[in-house]
Amino acid sequence: MPHAKERPRRTPLSFGGSPLRRAFVLLAGLAVGLMACERVVGKPPEVIRLPPTGVELQTPLVLTPATEADKQPSADDSPNAPSPPGTAKPKSTPPPRPTPTITPPPTPSPPRRLPTPAPQTAPLPAPQQSAAPAPLLEPRSVATPPSPQSPLAALGEISFCDYCGGGCQGGSCCPDCQGGSKSHRFLGAVYRGLCCPDPCYQPVWRPTDDAAFYTTAARPVNQQRFRWDHGNDLVTPDRAEFFWARADTTGAGPRPAAGGDPAFGPVDYDEIRHYTEVAHGSFGASVEYSYRSVEYNGAGAAGFGDLTIGTKTMIFDTELMQIAFQMNTHVPQGSARKGLGTGHVSLELGLVFGLSLTPDTFVQADVSEWIPLGGDADYAGAVVRYNASCNHVLWRPHRCMPLIAVSELSGWRFQDGAFTGPTAAQATRASGSTYLQGSLGMRLFFCDRADFGVSYTRPVGDYSWVDSMFRTELRFRY
């Protein structure tokens, strides 16, 4: 088979024909390319403005895709558009890809800044020179140790007037109170306690100083006291008109039964007393009234008794000893005919003492003169009263609740007057008679506000005025 002639192979850009035809095709393709470039390049470029440096973007960049209008080809790009005459229709060119549009975020306003004050220049302090450091160890002088000596020798070098703060007058302290016998030292200590007291001492009320039942306390204090006395077998009740007025057919006191024994037998009585005291410093005033019930010879009576008004003044007050002056006025308030009072005014003047032995032991004492004003000329008479007590703390269930034991001795010494005897109708002299009684009691204190106590009394000796007596007290201080 004869070899056939090979035809030339065409490429997409090779065109057959004459050279004039090739040139025309190239010019047409160049014109189409220029039109496409003009469409793309003809639009103004989008300018992307970036925020200033240091400002945080509030809204991120948003890429906006091209709209449908941008995607529609123009009339020039339409494939059906007529070609210029004399030109070959070029192949369709794919439309250009849409260009993404970048929308810049709104520019945030810059933050407000406070004005910065102008810097001020302060002068630098002058350099100071540091002092030289102290040495770590300083030489210490070694003192010569004192020679041993007796403690009494050291006491002899100290004056007691210097010890008590210079409160003593010149010559009031004895220089030889350190030595001597036991009695000499005791009297010297008492002398110092009286004449050279501690200047730092502060007067204060203490439970041990005011625990007695029959003995008056030296220190005035604001208080209310409720007392109940129960006495059995009181003999000769009209003696010196101290308890009753003259009790016979002619006196102001109770009258014996007609046709019976002119004298009264033993009397049983109950008496309730309310005592009020107000104090200011070393002075105090008091008032006390009573309600009495008596039983005698199968009869009895009850009613208010006599009224007592008193004052008390502290004239000496040290840590060791207290001394006070007391004056009471007994006003006839009760009915003398019923045996509830004496029927006359009486004055009672006395001294009150207090002695501190130890912090838990205290001694109280008082002595007074009972003087009747008025009354029966034959029966009324003066009476000396005296009392002494020793108060000691037995137990403290609480440090502010001391339980104090009280032992007392009470006495009456009749100096004048008379009484109605048990067998004779005439008066019997009462002067020279003495009665002693002993008492034991317990008192419980509730801090310094209240206390409660009971006491039992019996006669000392065979001859007595009252056979037995019970006393109960409740006190409040304010």
Protein backbone atom coordinates (compact mmCIF):
# COMPACT_ATOMS: atom_id res chain seq x y z
CA MET A 1 0.00 0.00 0.00
CA PRO A 2 1.48 3.20 -1.02
CA HIS A 3 2.46 5.42 1.79
CA ALA A 4 -0.13 8.13 2.31
CA LYS A 5 0.89 11.67 2.71
CA GLU A 6 0.68 12.82 6.33
CA ARG A 7 -1.57 15.78 7.01
CA PRO A 8 -0.26 18.57 9.15
CA ARG A 9 -1.50 18.49 12.75
CA ARG A 10 -3.32 21.62 14.07
CA THR A 11 -3.10 23.05 17.49
CA PRO A 12 -5.81 25.23 19.11
CA LEU A 13 -3.78 28.34 18.19
CA SER A 14 -2.86 27.27 14.70
CA PHE A 15 -5.14 28.35 11.97
CA GLY A 16 -5.10 27.14 8.44
CA GLY A 17 -5.39 29.34 5.49
CA SER A 18 -3.55 32.24 4.12
CA PRO A 19 -1.39 34.54 6.20
CA LEU A 20 -3.94 37.32 5.90
CA ARG A 21 -6.48 35.17 7.58
CA ARG A 22 -4.13 34.36 10.41
CA ALA A 23 -3.42 38.02 11.04
CA PHE A 24 -7.12 38.83 11.15
CA VAL A 25 -7.76 36.13 13.72
CA LEU A 26 -4.93 37.38 15.93
CA LEU A 27 -6.24 40.95 15.80
CA ALA A 28 -9.73 39.79 16.75
CA GLY A 29 -8.41 37.83 19.76
CA LEU A 30 -6.37 40.82 20.86
CA ALA A 31 -9.47 43.03 20.71
CA VAL A 32 -11.48 40.62 22.84
CA GLY A 33 -8.71 40.46 25.47
CA LEU A 34 -8.51 44.23 25.67
CA MET A 35 -12.26 44.44 26.28
CA ALA A 36 -12.09 41.94 29.12
CA CYS A 37 -9.21 43.79 30.78
CA GLU A 38 -11.09 47.07 30.51
CA ARG A 39 -14.05 45.54 32.38
CA VAL A 40 -11.93 44.34 35.25
CA VAL A 41 -9.54 47.25 35.38
CA GLY A 42 -12.22 49.88 34.83
CA LYS A 43 -13.66 49.51 38.36
CA PRO A 44 -12.01 51.65 41.06
CA PRO A 45 -10.13 49.55 43.55
CA GLU A 46 -11.51 49.09 47.06
CA VAL A 47 -9.34 50.66 49.77
CA ILE A 48 -9.09 48.76 53.05
CA ARG A 49 -8.45 51.05 56.00
CA LEU A 50 -6.87 49.39 58.97
CA PRO A 51 -7.38 50.80 62.48
CA PRO A 52 -4.53 52.71 64.09
CA THR A 53 -1.92 50.85 66.01
CA GLY A 54 -2.80 50.04 69.63
CA VAL A 55 -6.60 50.28 69.19
CA GLU A 56 -8.46 47.05 69.73
CA LEU A 57 -10.85 46.04 66.99
CA GLN A 58 -14.43 46.00 68.22
CA THR A 59 -15.83 44.39 65.04
CA PRO A 60 -13.92 41.82 62.98
CA LEU A 61 -13.34 42.25 59.24
CA VAL A 62 -16.23 40.96 57.16
CA LEU A 63 -15.69 39.57 53.68
CA THR A 64 -18.79 40.36 51.60
CA PRO A 65 -19.25 38.14 48.50
CA ALA A 66 -20.17 39.64 45.17
CA THR A 67 -23.85 40.25 44.50
CA GLU A 68 -25.91 38.68 41.74
CA ALA A 69 -25.65 41.85 39.70
CA ASP A 70 -21.91 41.51 39.75
CA LYS A 71 -22.24 37.92 38.56
CA GLN A 72 -24.43 38.82 35.51
CA PRO A 73 -22.31 39.18 32.41
CA SER A 74 -22.48 42.42 30.51
CA ALA A 75 -23.70 42.80 26.97
CA ASP A 76 -20.19 42.88 25.76
CA ASP A 77 -19.44 39.58 27.39
CA SER A 78 -22.51 37.79 26.07
CA PRO A 79 -21.66 34.90 23.83
CA ASN A 80 -24.44 35.87 21.44
CA ALA A 81 -23.09 39.35 20.93
CA PRO A 82 -22.45 39.99 17.21
CA SER A 83 -18.87 39.99 16.12
CA PRO A 84 -17.53 42.77 14.05
CA PRO A 85 -17.83 42.20 10.37
CA GLY A 86 -15.00 40.44 8.74
CA THR A 87 -13.88 38.77 11.99
CA ALA A 88 -14.18 35.22 13.01
CA LYS A 89 -16.25 34.49 16.07
CA PRO A 90 -13.88 33.57 18.89
CA LYS A 91 -14.50 30.79 21.23
CA SER A 92 -16.38 31.64 24.43
CA THR A 93 -14.17 32.87 27.27
CA PRO A 94 -15.18 31.90 30.85
CA PRO A 95 -16.37 34.86 32.87
CA PRO A 96 -13.96 36.20 35.48
CA ARG A 97 -14.29 35.00 39.10
CA PRO A 98 -16.07 37.40 41.44
CA THR A 99 -13.78 39.57 43.52
CA PRO A 100 -14.54 39.44 47.31
CA THR A 101 -15.42 42.76 48.93
CA ILE A 102 -13.89 43.61 52.33
CA THR A 103 -16.05 45.89 54.52
CA PRO A 104 -13.92 47.74 57.11
CA PRO A 105 -15.28 47.95 60.68
CA PRO A 106 -16.25 51.33 62.14
CA THR A 107 -13.34 53.22 63.52
CA PRO A 108 -13.68 53.37 67.35
CA SER A 109 -13.30 56.71 69.02
CA PRO A 110 -10.03 57.05 70.91
CA PRO A 111 -10.35 56.74 74.73
CA ARG A 112 -10.36 59.88 76.85
CA ARG A 113 -7.22 60.41 78.77
CA LEU A 114 -6.84 62.50 81.91
CA PRO A 115 -4.38 65.32 81.67
CA THR A 116 -1.03 64.31 82.98
CA PRO A 117 0.24 66.74 85.64
CA ALA A 118 3.47 68.35 84.98
CA PRO A 119 6.27 66.58 86.81
CA GLN A 120 7.61 68.38 89.84
CA THR A 121 11.15 68.19 90.84
CA ALA A 122 11.82 67.81 94.58
CA PRO A 123 15.21 68.60 95.94
CA LEU A 124 17.10 65.60 97.13
CA PRO A 125 17.85 65.49 100.87
CA ALA A 126 21.30 66.22 101.89
CA PRO A 127 23.26 63.06 102.48
CA GLN A 128 23.52 62.18 106.15
CA GLN A 129 26.44 60.60 107.69
CA SER A 130 25.56 57.42 109.58
CA ALA A 131 26.69 57.30 113.16
CA ALA A 132 29.19 54.79 114.16
CA PRO A 133 27.54 51.55 115.34
CA ALA A 134 27.50 50.90 119.05
CA PRO A 135 29.76 48.19 120.24
CA LEU A 136 28.12 44.82 120.67
CA LEU A 137 29.54 44.29 124.11
CA GLU A 138 30.01 46.98 126.71
CA PRO A 139 32.29 46.49 129.62
CA ARG A 140 30.38 46.00 132.87
CA SER A 141 31.79 46.93 136.17
CA VAL A 142 31.74 44.11 138.65
CA ALA A 143 30.29 45.33 141.95
CA THR A 144 31.55 44.02 145.19
CA PRO A 145 28.95 41.64 146.68
CA PRO A 146 27.46 42.94 149.95
CA SER A 147 28.42 41.23 153.09
CA PRO A 148 25.67 39.09 154.67
CA GLN A 149 23.86 40.69 157.59
CA SER A 150 20.84 40.10 159.76
CA PRO A 151 17.38 41.06 158.43
CA LEU A 152 16.77 43.04 161.62
CA ALA A 153 19.75 45.22 160.80
CA ALA A 154 18.16 46.14 157.45
CA LEU A 155 14.91 47.01 159.21
CA GLY A 156 16.73 49.30 161.54
CA GLU A 157 17.97 51.41 158.62
CA ILE A 158 14.38 52.11 157.36
CA SER A 159 12.25 54.61 159.24
CA PHE A 160 8.61 53.68 159.68
CA CYS A 161 7.59 57.24 158.87
CA ASP A 162 9.33 56.85 155.52
CA TYR A 163 7.59 53.53 154.98
CA CYS A 164 4.09 54.92 155.50
CA GLY A 165 4.61 57.70 152.98
CA GLY A 166 5.50 60.60 155.27
CA GLY A 167 1.99 60.83 156.70
CA CYS A 168 3.25 61.06 160.28
CA GLN A 169 4.02 64.28 162.04
CA GLY A 170 7.44 64.91 163.44
CA GLY A 171 8.14 62.88 166.54
CA SER A 172 4.96 60.79 166.29
CA CYS A 173 6.80 57.56 165.45
CA CYS A 174 8.80 55.86 168.14
CA PRO A 175 12.26 54.83 166.88
CA ASP A 176 12.64 51.87 169.24
CA CYS A 177 9.48 49.93 168.32
CA GLN A 178 11.57 47.27 166.58
CA GLY A 179 12.97 45.63 169.67
CA GLY A 180 12.04 45.04 173.26
CA SER A 181 9.70 42.49 174.74
CA LYS A 182 6.61 41.00 173.11
CA SER A 183 4.29 43.40 174.90
CA HIS A 184 6.51 46.31 173.87
CA ARG A 185 6.40 45.30 170.21
CA PHE A 186 2.64 44.73 170.40
CA LEU A 187 1.98 48.15 171.89
CA GLY A 188 4.35 49.66 169.34
CA ALA A 189 2.41 48.06 166.50
CA VAL A 190 -0.87 49.36 167.95
CA TYR A 191 0.68 52.80 168.31
CA ARG A 192 1.77 52.78 164.68
CA GLY A 193 -1.63 51.60 163.53
CA LEU A 194 -3.33 54.47 165.39
CA CYS A 195 -0.88 57.32 164.97
CA CYS A 196 0.81 56.47 161.68
CA PRO A 197 -1.79 54.79 159.43
CA ASP A 198 -1.13 53.74 155.89
CA PRO A 199 -1.75 56.78 153.62
CA CYS A 200 -2.83 54.44 150.79
CA TYR A 201 -5.68 53.00 152.86
CA GLN A 202 -9.09 53.37 151.21
CA PRO A 203 -12.16 53.08 153.52
CA VAL A 204 -14.36 50.25 152.35
CA TRP A 205 -17.18 48.15 153.79
CA ARG A 206 -16.32 44.49 154.39
CA PRO A 207 -18.59 41.60 155.43
CA THR A 208 -16.49 40.65 158.45
CA ASP A 209 -16.78 44.21 159.81
CA ASP A 210 -20.59 44.07 159.97
CA ALA A 211 -21.63 40.49 160.76
CA ALA A 212 -22.81 40.74 164.40
CA PHE A 213 -26.48 40.43 165.44
CA TYR A 214 -26.55 42.49 168.66
CA THR A 215 -23.42 44.62 168.23
CA THR A 216 -23.57 47.76 166.11
CA ALA A 217 -21.16 48.17 163.18
CA ALA A 218 -18.88 51.20 163.19
CA ARG A 219 -19.06 52.06 159.48
CA PRO A 220 -22.27 53.70 158.17
CA VAL A 221 -23.71 52.08 155.07
CA ASN A 222 -26.84 52.38 152.94
CA GLN A 223 -28.96 49.41 153.90
CA GLN A 224 -32.40 48.00 154.71
CA ARG A 225 -32.73 45.46 157.54
CA PHE A 226 -35.63 43.20 158.48
CA ARG A 227 -35.31 41.63 161.94
CA TRP A 228 -37.50 39.15 163.80
CA ASP A 229 -37.01 38.45 167.52
CA HIS A 230 -38.72 35.69 169.46
CA GLY A 231 -38.21 35.81 173.25
CA ASN A 232 -39.28 33.26 175.85
CA ASP A 233 -39.84 33.83 179.57
CA LEU A 234 -38.91 37.48 180.04
CA VAL A 235 -39.07 38.14 183.81
CA THR A 236 -39.73 41.52 185.50
CA PRO A 237 -40.68 43.26 182.20
CA ASP A 238 -41.11 46.69 183.85
CA ARG A 239 -37.56 46.77 185.27
CA ALA A 240 -36.35 50.40 185.00
CA GLU A 241 -39.10 50.85 182.37
CA PHE A 242 -36.70 49.54 179.73
CA PHE A 243 -39.15 47.07 178.09
CA TRP A 244 -42.49 48.07 179.66
CA ALA A 245 -43.84 50.99 181.62
CA ARG A 246 -44.63 50.53 185.29
CA ALA A 247 -46.95 47.51 185.41
CA ASP A 248 -48.96 47.69 188.60
CA THR A 249 -52.23 49.27 189.59
CA THR A 250 -50.77 52.81 189.55
CA GLY A 251 -48.39 52.80 186.54
CA ALA A 252 -48.89 53.50 182.83
CA GLY A 253 -48.15 49.89 181.87
CA PRO A 254 -50.42 46.85 181.75
CA ARG A 255 -52.69 46.30 184.76
CA PRO A 256 -52.81 42.95 186.55
CA ALA A 257 -56.08 41.08 186.67
CA ALA A 258 -58.46 42.15 189.47
CA GLY A 259 -58.08 39.94 192.53
CA GLY A 260 -55.05 38.18 191.07
CA ASP A 261 -51.30 38.38 191.59
CA PRO A 262 -50.15 42.03 191.33
CA ALA A 263 -46.95 41.00 189.52
CA PHE A 264 -46.73 39.66 186.00
CA GLY A 265 -45.26 36.28 185.26
CA PRO A 266 -42.86 35.47 182.40
CA VAL A 267 -43.71 37.21 179.13
CA ASP A 268 -43.33 35.72 175.66
CA TYR A 269 -43.03 38.18 172.82
CA ASP A 270 -42.41 38.44 169.08
CA GLU A 271 -41.12 41.63 167.52
CA ILE A 272 -40.55 42.55 163.89
CA ARG A 273 -38.33 45.56 163.19
CA HIS A 274 -37.67 47.41 159.95
CA TYR A 275 -34.43 49.40 159.98
CA THR A 276 -33.40 51.89 157.27
CA GLU A 277 -29.99 53.56 157.17
CA VAL A 278 -28.59 56.09 154.72
CA ALA A 279 -24.92 57.03 154.70
CA HIS A 280 -22.72 59.62 153.09
CA GLY A 281 -19.05 59.25 153.76
CA SER A 282 -18.46 58.86 157.48
CA PHE A 283 -21.96 60.02 158.52
CA GLY A 284 -25.16 57.98 158.61
CA ALA A 285 -28.76 58.46 159.73
CA SER A 286 -31.28 55.74 160.54
CA VAL A 287 -34.91 55.17 161.44
CA GLU A 288 -36.47 51.99 162.84
CA TYR A 289 -40.04 51.07 163.69
CA SER A 290 -41.38 47.85 165.20
CA TYR A 291 -44.46 45.69 165.44
CA ARG A 292 -44.77 43.77 168.73
CA SER A 293 -46.93 40.89 169.93
CA VAL A 294 -46.90 39.96 173.66
CA GLU A 295 -48.48 37.19 175.73
CA TYR A 296 -48.67 37.37 179.54
CA ASN A 297 -50.90 35.89 182.28
CA GLY A 298 -53.13 34.24 179.72
CA ALA A 299 -53.76 37.53 177.88
CA GLY A 300 -52.05 39.20 174.98
CA ALA A 301 -51.82 42.26 172.75
CA ALA A 302 -50.29 43.24 169.42
CA GLY A 303 -49.58 46.51 167.64
CA PHE A 304 -46.90 48.96 166.58
CA GLY A 305 -44.13 49.58 169.07
CA ASP A 306 -41.87 52.55 169.73
CA LEU A 307 -39.97 54.42 167.01
CA THR A 308 -36.16 54.85 167.03
CA ILE A 309 -34.31 57.63 165.19
CA GLY A 310 -30.51 57.58 165.20
CA THR A 311 -27.32 59.07 163.81
CA LYS A 312 -23.83 57.63 163.54
CA THR A 313 -20.56 59.42 162.85
CA MET A 314 -17.23 57.73 162.24
CA ILE A 315 -14.54 59.63 164.13
CA PHE A 316 -11.57 57.32 163.53
CA ASP A 317 -11.01 55.08 160.53
CA THR A 318 -7.88 53.08 159.80
CA GLU A 319 -7.21 49.63 158.44
CA LEU A 320 -6.60 48.38 161.97
CA MET A 321 -9.35 50.09 163.96
CA GLN A 322 -12.57 52.06 163.54
CA ILE A 323 -14.35 54.18 166.14
CA ALA A 324 -17.78 55.78 165.73
CA PHE A 325 -20.16 57.83 167.88
CA GLN A 326 -23.84 56.87 167.90
CA MET A 327 -26.92 58.62 169.24
CA ASN A 328 -30.43 57.10 169.23
CA THR A 329 -33.71 58.67 170.26
CA HIS A 330 -36.56 56.31 171.26
CA VAL A 331 -39.94 57.94 170.63
CA PRO A 332 -43.03 56.45 172.37
CA GLN A 333 -45.19 55.19 169.55
CA GLY A 334 -46.70 52.00 170.95
CA SER A 335 -49.41 51.66 173.57
CA ALA A 336 -47.85 51.46 177.02
CA ARG A 337 -51.07 50.14 178.55
CA LYS A 338 -50.96 47.08 176.25
CA GLY A 339 -47.27 46.46 176.86
CA LEU A 340 -46.19 47.62 173.37
CA GLY A 341 -43.95 50.50 174.49
CA THR A 342 -42.41 52.35 177.44
CA GLY A 343 -44.60 55.45 177.30
CA HIS A 344 -41.70 57.95 177.49
CA VAL A 345 -38.81 59.35 175.41
CA SER A 346 -35.34 57.87 175.93
CA LEU A 347 -31.90 58.87 174.68
CA GLU A 348 -29.10 56.41 174.01
CA LEU A 349 -25.53 57.65 173.56
CA GLY A 350 -22.72 55.25 172.74
CA LEU A 351 -19.38 54.46 171.16
CA VAL A 352 -18.83 51.75 168.58
CA PHE A 353 -15.48 50.02 168.00
CA GLY A 354 -14.05 47.74 165.35
CA LEU A 355 -10.71 45.91 165.42
CA SER A 356 -9.25 43.91 162.53
CA LEU A 357 -7.24 40.92 163.72
CA THR A 358 -6.72 39.10 160.41
CA PRO A 359 -8.23 39.41 156.92
CA ASP A 360 -10.85 36.83 157.98
CA THR A 361 -11.32 37.74 161.66
CA PHE A 362 -12.83 40.93 163.04
CA VAL A 363 -13.95 42.07 166.50
CA GLN A 364 -16.94 44.38 167.03
CA ALA A 365 -17.86 46.11 170.28
CA ASP A 366 -20.15 48.87 171.51
CA VAL A 367 -21.07 50.48 174.80
CA SER A 368 -23.99 52.87 175.35
CA GLU A 369 -25.90 54.67 178.08
CA TRP A 370 -29.69 54.42 177.95
CA ILE A 371 -31.21 57.53 179.61
CA PRO A 372 -35.01 57.82 180.13
CA LEU A 373 -36.58 61.27 179.74
CA GLY A 374 -39.83 61.38 181.69
CA GLY A 375 -41.48 58.15 182.73
CA ASP A 376 -42.26 57.11 186.28
CA ALA A 377 -40.09 58.84 188.83
CA ASP A 378 -39.61 55.65 190.87
CA TYR A 379 -39.36 53.06 188.14
CA ALA A 380 -37.52 54.70 185.23
CA GLY A 381 -33.73 54.45 185.48
CA ALA A 382 -30.50 54.53 183.46
CA VAL A 383 -29.07 51.37 181.93
CA VAL A 384 -25.59 50.64 180.56
CA ARG A 385 -25.62 48.32 177.56
CA TYR A 386 -22.52 46.62 176.15
CA ASN A 387 -21.97 44.08 173.41
CA ALA A 388 -18.95 42.36 171.88
CA SER A 389 -18.66 39.91 169.00
CA CYS A 390 -15.98 37.96 167.19
CA ASN A 391 -16.62 37.34 163.49
CA HIS A 392 -14.66 34.73 161.58
CA VAL A 393 -14.99 33.41 158.03
CA LEU A 394 -15.62 29.67 158.12
CA TRP A 395 -16.15 28.82 154.47
CA ARG A 396 -16.40 30.45 151.08
CA PRO A 397 -18.62 28.49 148.68
CA HIS A 398 -17.79 31.33 146.30
CA ARG A 399 -15.05 33.88 146.69
CA CYS A 400 -17.74 36.58 147.06
CA MET A 401 -20.00 34.52 149.35
CA PRO A 402 -18.38 34.17 152.79
CA LEU A 403 -20.09 32.17 155.51
CA ILE A 404 -19.23 33.92 158.80
CA ALA A 405 -19.59 32.49 162.30
CA VAL A 406 -20.53 35.01 165.00
CA SER A 407 -20.07 34.57 168.75
CA GLU A 408 -21.40 37.39 170.95
CA LEU A 409 -21.69 38.46 174.55
CA SER A 410 -24.39 40.98 175.57
CA GLY A 411 -24.98 42.62 178.94
CA TRP A 412 -27.29 45.08 180.73
CA ARG A 413 -26.18 46.91 183.85
CA PHE A 414 -29.09 48.67 185.64
CA GLN A 415 -27.95 51.81 187.44
CA ASP A 416 -31.25 53.09 188.78
CA GLY A 417 -35.01 52.47 188.84
CA ALA A 418 -37.24 49.75 190.21
CA PHE A 419 -39.48 46.87 189.16
CA THR A 420 -42.60 45.10 190.43
CA GLY A 421 -41.64 41.98 192.34
CA PRO A 422 -43.38 38.63 191.85
CA THR A 423 -44.67 38.38 195.42
CA ALA A 424 -44.80 41.93 196.79
CA ALA A 425 -46.96 44.80 195.62
CA GLN A 426 -44.37 47.42 196.49
CA ALA A 427 -41.52 48.43 194.15
CA THR A 428 -38.15 46.64 194.34
CA ARG A 429 -34.94 48.49 193.63
CA ALA A 430 -33.32 47.52 190.30
CA SER A 431 -29.94 49.25 190.66
CA GLY A 432 -26.90 46.99 190.76
CA SER A 433 -28.46 44.16 188.75
CA THR A 434 -26.54 42.73 185.77
CA TYR A 435 -27.67 40.29 183.11
CA LEU A 436 -25.35 38.50 180.69
CA GLN A 437 -26.29 36.55 177.61
CA GLY A 438 -24.26 34.59 175.06
CA SER A 439 -25.17 34.12 171.40
CA LEU A 440 -24.00 31.96 168.52
CA GLY A 441 -24.98 32.71 164.96
CA MET A 442 -24.18 32.19 161.30
CA ARG A 443 -24.46 34.73 158.51
CA LEU A 444 -24.13 34.12 154.77
CA PHE A 445 -23.22 37.08 152.55
CA PHE A 446 -24.08 37.35 148.88
CA CYS A 447 -21.25 39.62 147.71
CA ASP A 448 -21.80 43.08 149.23
CA ARG A 449 -25.50 43.37 148.34
CA ALA A 450 -27.39 41.07 150.68
CA ASP A 451 -26.96 38.69 153.61
CA PHE A 452 -29.07 36.38 155.75
CA GLY A 453 -28.35 35.15 159.27
CA VAL A 454 -29.78 33.47 162.36
CA SER A 455 -28.67 33.60 166.00
CA TYR A 456 -29.61 31.79 169.21
CA THR A 457 -29.22 33.37 172.67
CA ARG A 458 -28.97 31.79 176.09
CA PRO A 459 -28.23 33.35 179.52
CA VAL A 460 -24.76 33.20 181.00
CA GLY A 461 -25.20 32.05 184.61
CA ASP A 462 -28.21 30.92 186.62
CA TYR A 463 -29.93 34.28 186.90
CA SER A 464 -31.22 35.65 183.61
CA TRP A 465 -33.59 38.26 182.25
CA VAL A 466 -34.68 36.26 179.14
CA ASP A 467 -34.54 32.49 179.14
CA SER A 468 -33.91 32.15 175.39
CA MET A 469 -34.23 34.23 172.26
CA PHE A 470 -34.04 33.62 168.51
CA ARG A 471 -33.04 36.38 166.09
CA THR A 472 -33.31 36.26 162.30
CA GLU A 473 -32.09 39.02 159.97
CA LEU A 474 -32.28 39.78 156.27
CA ARG A 475 -30.37 42.80 154.99
CA PHE A 476 -30.00 44.55 151.66
CA ARG A 477 -27.37 47.18 150.85
CA TYR A 478 -27.47 49.66 148.01
